N, C-alpha and C. Protein backbone atom coordinates (compact mmCIF):
# COMPACT_ATOMS: atom_id res chain seq x y z
N MET A 1 10.44 12.80 -41.28
CA MET A 1 9.72 12.58 -41.80
C MET A 1 7.93 13.28 -41.19
N THR A 2 7.03 13.85 -41.24
CA THR A 2 6.06 14.20 -40.54
C THR A 2 5.16 13.55 -39.90
N THR A 3 4.82 13.44 -38.84
CA THR A 3 3.34 12.01 -38.41
C THR A 3 2.60 13.09 -38.14
N TYR A 4 1.24 12.78 -38.81
CA TYR A 4 0.44 13.45 -38.29
C TYR A 4 -0.81 12.44 -37.72
N VAL A 5 -1.95 13.14 -36.74
CA VAL A 5 -2.74 12.54 -36.21
C VAL A 5 -3.94 13.51 -35.99
N TYR A 6 -4.97 12.77 -35.55
CA TYR A 6 -6.46 13.13 -35.52
C TYR A 6 -6.41 14.15 -34.28
N ARG A 7 -6.65 15.37 -34.11
CA ARG A 7 -7.45 16.13 -33.06
C ARG A 7 -8.80 16.63 -33.70
N ASN A 8 -9.48 16.49 -32.79
CA ASN A 8 -11.18 17.06 -32.57
C ASN A 8 -11.51 17.33 -33.97
N GLY A 9 -11.29 15.77 -34.59
CA GLY A 9 -11.84 15.73 -35.70
C GLY A 9 -10.72 15.98 -37.14
N ARG A 10 -9.87 16.70 -36.94
CA ARG A 10 -9.09 17.22 -38.10
C ARG A 10 -7.78 16.45 -38.22
N LEU A 11 -7.17 16.39 -39.08
CA LEU A 11 -5.70 15.51 -39.05
C LEU A 11 -4.69 17.11 -38.96
N VAL A 12 -4.04 17.04 -38.18
CA VAL A 12 -2.90 17.60 -38.02
C VAL A 12 -1.22 16.94 -37.55
N ASP A 13 -0.46 18.24 -37.44
CA ASP A 13 0.85 17.67 -37.39
C ASP A 13 1.29 17.50 -36.33
N LYS A 14 1.66 16.50 -35.48
CA LYS A 14 1.77 15.82 -34.44
C LYS A 14 2.25 16.47 -33.53
N SER A 15 3.56 16.95 -33.90
CA SER A 15 3.83 18.01 -33.19
C SER A 15 3.41 19.37 -32.56
N GLN A 16 2.43 19.33 -33.24
CA GLN A 16 1.83 21.17 -33.01
C GLN A 16 0.95 20.93 -31.11
N SER A 17 0.87 21.69 -30.87
CA SER A 17 0.86 21.95 -29.50
C SER A 17 -0.92 21.67 -29.55
N TYR A 18 -1.84 21.72 -28.48
CA TYR A 18 -3.00 21.51 -28.31
C TYR A 18 -3.98 23.00 -28.16
N GLY A 19 -3.05 23.68 -28.04
CA GLY A 19 -3.67 25.54 -27.78
C GLY A 19 -2.75 25.67 -26.89
N GLU A 20 -3.83 25.97 -25.67
CA GLU A 20 -3.14 25.69 -24.53
C GLU A 20 -1.98 25.47 -23.56
N PRO A 21 -0.99 25.87 -23.07
CA PRO A 21 0.05 24.88 -22.46
C PRO A 21 -0.31 24.57 -21.49
N LYS A 22 0.43 23.38 -21.11
CA LYS A 22 -0.29 22.58 -19.80
C LYS A 22 0.50 23.58 -18.90
N LEU A 23 0.03 23.90 -17.30
CA LEU A 23 0.51 24.71 -16.66
C LEU A 23 0.95 23.56 -15.52
N TRP A 24 2.17 23.23 -14.70
CA TRP A 24 2.27 22.29 -13.56
C TRP A 24 1.79 23.25 -12.33
N LYS A 25 1.65 22.14 -11.45
CA LYS A 25 0.81 22.79 -10.40
C LYS A 25 1.58 22.07 -9.51
N THR A 26 2.37 22.64 -8.89
CA THR A 26 2.66 22.22 -7.26
C THR A 26 1.59 21.86 -5.98
N GLY A 27 1.96 20.80 -5.48
CA GLY A 27 0.52 19.57 -4.55
C GLY A 27 1.19 19.98 -3.68
N ILE A 28 0.50 20.79 -2.26
CA ILE A 28 1.03 21.00 -1.26
C ILE A 28 0.53 19.80 -0.32
N ILE A 29 1.08 19.46 0.66
CA ILE A 29 0.33 18.25 1.97
C ILE A 29 0.81 19.31 2.94
N SER A 30 -0.94 19.69 3.50
CA SER A 30 -0.76 20.75 4.90
C SER A 30 -0.37 19.80 5.87
N ASP A 31 0.23 20.33 7.28
CA ASP A 31 0.53 19.34 8.43
C ASP A 31 -0.92 19.64 9.13
N ILE A 32 -1.36 20.75 9.10
CA ILE A 32 -2.41 20.86 9.79
C ILE A 32 -3.75 19.90 9.63
N MET A 33 -4.38 19.21 10.43
CA MET A 33 -5.83 18.38 10.53
C MET A 33 -6.75 19.07 11.75
N GLU A 34 -7.58 18.03 11.25
CA GLU A 34 -8.78 18.88 12.41
C GLU A 34 -8.64 18.25 13.32
N PRO A 35 -9.05 18.87 14.74
CA PRO A 35 -8.11 18.38 16.18
C PRO A 35 -9.19 17.41 16.21
N THR A 36 -8.17 16.08 16.59
CA THR A 36 -8.51 14.56 17.19
C THR A 36 -7.72 14.43 18.08
N LYS A 37 -8.61 13.65 19.10
CA LYS A 37 -8.54 13.32 20.36
C LYS A 37 -7.44 12.10 19.69
N HIS A 38 -6.21 11.60 20.48
CA HIS A 38 -5.20 10.76 20.81
C HIS A 38 -5.95 9.85 21.16
N MET A 39 -6.03 8.33 21.01
CA MET A 39 -6.84 7.42 21.96
C MET A 39 -5.80 6.75 22.81
N ALA A 40 -4.32 7.06 22.62
CA ALA A 40 -3.83 6.21 23.73
C ALA A 40 -3.42 7.90 24.80
N SER A 41 -3.55 8.85 24.36
CA SER A 41 -2.59 9.91 25.58
C SER A 41 -4.10 10.69 25.93
N GLY A 42 -5.26 10.74 25.27
CA GLY A 42 -6.26 11.74 25.47
C GLY A 42 -6.09 12.41 24.92
N ARG A 43 -5.24 13.24 24.64
CA ARG A 43 -4.48 14.92 24.36
C ARG A 43 -5.78 15.07 22.85
N VAL A 44 -5.74 16.18 22.67
CA VAL A 44 -6.58 17.32 21.29
C VAL A 44 -5.17 17.42 20.42
N ILE A 45 -5.04 17.28 19.42
CA ILE A 45 -3.99 17.28 19.11
C ILE A 45 -4.36 17.97 17.09
N ASP A 46 -3.86 18.70 16.59
CA ASP A 46 -4.42 19.53 15.27
C ASP A 46 -2.98 19.35 14.06
N SER A 47 -2.02 18.63 14.58
CA SER A 47 -0.68 18.34 13.74
C SER A 47 -0.29 17.45 13.70
N LYS A 48 -0.52 16.36 11.82
CA LYS A 48 -0.13 15.49 11.50
C LYS A 48 1.24 14.95 12.40
N ALA A 49 2.24 15.63 12.37
CA ALA A 49 3.73 15.26 13.09
C ALA A 49 3.40 15.13 14.33
N ARG A 50 2.57 16.26 15.21
CA ARG A 50 2.46 16.02 17.03
C ARG A 50 1.67 14.80 17.11
N PHE A 51 0.50 14.47 16.27
CA PHE A 51 -0.01 13.11 16.67
C PHE A 51 1.02 11.91 15.95
N ARG A 52 1.71 12.31 15.30
CA ARG A 52 2.88 10.37 14.97
C ARG A 52 3.63 10.32 16.19
N ALA A 53 4.04 11.74 16.31
CA ALA A 53 4.88 11.74 17.63
C ALA A 53 4.32 11.22 18.99
N GLU A 54 3.19 11.92 19.24
CA GLU A 54 2.54 11.00 20.64
C GLU A 54 2.43 9.87 20.18
N THR A 55 1.77 9.43 19.35
CA THR A 55 1.51 7.89 18.65
C THR A 55 3.24 7.17 19.15
N ARG A 56 4.21 7.61 19.19
CA ARG A 56 5.17 6.59 18.89
C ARG A 56 5.38 7.69 20.61
N ALA A 57 5.48 8.03 21.22
CA ALA A 57 5.93 8.24 22.45
C ALA A 57 4.98 7.22 23.23
N THR A 58 3.43 7.20 23.25
CA THR A 58 2.90 6.15 23.86
C THR A 58 3.05 4.62 23.93
N GLY A 59 4.64 4.63 23.30
CA GLY A 59 4.26 2.87 22.52
C GLY A 59 3.97 2.51 22.08
N CYS A 60 2.95 3.48 21.12
CA CYS A 60 2.31 2.51 19.64
C CYS A 60 2.85 3.18 18.31
N VAL A 61 1.60 1.91 17.94
CA VAL A 61 2.86 1.87 16.47
C VAL A 61 1.16 2.26 15.11
N GLU A 62 1.81 3.41 14.66
CA GLU A 62 1.25 3.25 13.74
C GLU A 62 1.04 2.48 12.37
N ILE A 63 -0.32 1.70 11.95
CA ILE A 63 -0.14 1.02 10.93
C ILE A 63 0.04 1.38 10.03
N GLY A 64 0.64 0.54 9.06
CA GLY A 64 1.02 1.02 7.53
C GLY A 64 2.22 1.44 7.94
N MET A 65 2.95 2.01 8.65
CA MET A 65 4.23 2.66 8.92
C MET A 65 5.19 1.81 9.32
N GLU A 66 4.85 0.53 10.46
CA GLU A 66 6.08 -0.25 10.68
C GLU A 66 7.14 -1.00 9.63
N PRO A 67 8.21 -1.06 10.30
CA PRO A 67 9.00 -1.87 9.18
C PRO A 67 8.84 -3.17 9.07
N ILE A 68 8.49 -3.27 7.28
CA ILE A 68 8.68 -4.80 7.13
C ILE A 68 10.00 -5.63 7.38
N LYS A 69 9.45 -6.88 8.48
CA LYS A 69 10.38 -8.07 8.97
C LYS A 69 10.38 -9.00 7.88
N PRO A 70 11.79 -9.33 7.54
CA PRO A 70 12.14 -10.42 6.59
C PRO A 70 11.56 -11.65 6.89
N ARG A 71 10.78 -12.22 6.31
CA ARG A 71 10.43 -13.90 6.79
C ARG A 71 11.64 -14.62 6.70
N ALA A 72 11.61 -15.30 8.47
CA ALA A 72 12.64 -16.28 8.12
C ALA A 72 12.72 -17.92 6.97
N LYS A 73 13.74 -18.03 6.52
CA LYS A 73 13.68 -18.85 5.25
C LYS A 73 13.56 -20.37 5.69
N VAL A 74 12.99 -20.97 5.04
CA VAL A 74 12.36 -22.59 5.75
C VAL A 74 13.33 -23.37 4.60
N THR A 75 14.10 -24.08 5.27
CA THR A 75 15.31 -24.61 3.70
C THR A 75 14.69 -26.10 4.46
N LEU A 76 13.83 -27.11 3.37
CA LEU A 76 14.03 -28.46 3.37
C LEU A 76 14.55 -29.24 2.28
N ASP A 77 14.96 -30.63 2.80
CA ASP A 77 15.47 -31.85 2.01
C ASP A 77 14.66 -31.66 0.80
N LYS A 78 15.38 -32.66 0.17
CA LYS A 78 14.33 -33.03 -1.00
C LYS A 78 13.22 -34.22 -0.34
N SER A 79 13.54 -34.99 0.71
CA SER A 79 12.46 -35.86 1.30
C SER A 79 11.85 -35.21 2.72
N GLN A 80 12.21 -33.85 2.65
CA GLN A 80 11.03 -33.33 3.71
C GLN A 80 10.20 -32.62 2.63
N ARG A 81 10.77 -32.21 1.44
CA ARG A 81 9.47 -31.02 0.97
C ARG A 81 8.41 -32.42 0.50
N ARG A 82 9.07 -33.54 0.15
CA ARG A 82 8.19 -34.65 -0.84
C ARG A 82 6.99 -34.52 0.46
N ASP A 83 7.72 -34.81 1.58
CA ASP A 83 6.31 -35.75 2.84
C ASP A 83 5.78 -34.40 3.04
N ALA A 84 5.66 -33.12 2.73
CA ALA A 84 5.07 -31.41 3.13
C ALA A 84 3.87 -31.97 2.14
N ILE A 85 3.77 -32.02 0.71
CA ILE A 85 3.05 -31.95 -0.36
C ILE A 85 1.77 -33.43 0.24
N ARG A 86 2.87 -34.30 0.21
CA ARG A 86 2.10 -35.72 0.50
C ARG A 86 0.81 -35.15 1.62
N LYS A 87 1.38 -34.85 2.50
CA LYS A 87 0.75 -34.67 3.85
C LYS A 87 -0.35 -33.48 3.43
N SER A 88 -0.25 -32.82 2.82
CA SER A 88 -1.15 -31.20 2.66
C SER A 88 -2.48 -32.50 1.63
N ILE A 89 -1.79 -32.37 0.54
CA ILE A 89 -2.86 -33.62 -0.25
C ILE A 89 -3.74 -34.45 0.38
N TYR A 90 -3.18 -35.28 1.57
CA TYR A 90 -3.80 -36.27 2.02
C TYR A 90 -5.04 -35.16 2.72
N MET A 91 -4.50 -34.32 3.56
CA MET A 91 -5.55 -33.57 4.08
C MET A 91 -6.41 -32.97 3.27
N LEU A 92 -5.85 -32.57 2.60
CA LEU A 92 -7.13 -31.97 1.35
C LEU A 92 -7.95 -32.57 1.67
N ARG A 93 -7.56 -34.07 0.47
CA ARG A 93 -8.54 -35.25 0.12
C ARG A 93 -9.41 -35.66 1.50
N ASN A 94 -8.94 -35.66 2.38
CA ASN A 94 -10.08 -35.97 3.49
C ASN A 94 -10.46 -35.24 4.27
N GLY A 95 -11.00 -33.92 3.41
CA GLY A 95 -12.03 -33.02 4.14
C GLY A 95 -11.50 -32.00 5.03
N TYR A 96 -9.83 -31.89 5.07
CA TYR A 96 -9.32 -30.09 5.77
C TYR A 96 -9.96 -29.12 5.16
N LYS A 97 -10.30 -28.04 5.39
CA LYS A 97 -10.30 -26.74 4.85
C LYS A 97 -10.14 -25.67 5.61
N PRO A 98 -8.69 -24.84 4.71
CA PRO A 98 -8.28 -23.99 6.12
C PRO A 98 -9.01 -23.01 6.25
N GLN A 99 -8.02 -22.63 7.68
CA GLN A 99 -9.01 -21.48 8.30
C GLN A 99 -8.32 -20.62 7.74
N PHE A 100 -8.67 -19.27 7.27
CA PHE A 100 -8.40 -17.87 7.22
C PHE A 100 -8.72 -16.95 7.78
N ALA A 101 -7.75 -16.16 8.34
CA ALA A 101 -7.82 -15.19 9.29
C ALA A 101 -9.15 -14.28 8.87
N THR A 102 -10.19 -13.87 9.45
CA THR A 102 -11.26 -12.72 9.04
C THR A 102 -11.30 -11.63 10.33
N GLU A 103 -11.46 -10.75 9.51
CA GLU A 103 -12.13 -10.01 10.47
C GLU A 103 -13.70 -9.55 11.11
N ASP A 104 -13.49 -9.08 12.27
CA ASP A 104 -15.08 -9.48 12.80
C ASP A 104 -14.92 -7.97 12.97
């Protein structure tokens, strides 16, 4: 069974192409970057790979590239959990406002 759709205001067979075929383009990410002064070593570097290697060599960590550390699981028994909830409700009802970390 043929399926019809509207294209450019006309009812056409859905299997018909749009005219020009889509061209697949290859994306290339270059290793070259603008010469940048490395803040830890003071060297001017124009390669992304060398910049990352210099960051590791100086003992620094590139933000966003560090491994995610798993959180330690907190195990509470039923009475400990109940006490923690009661304490939280008490604190909130008595004016406690949590402090969130902010960037200055």
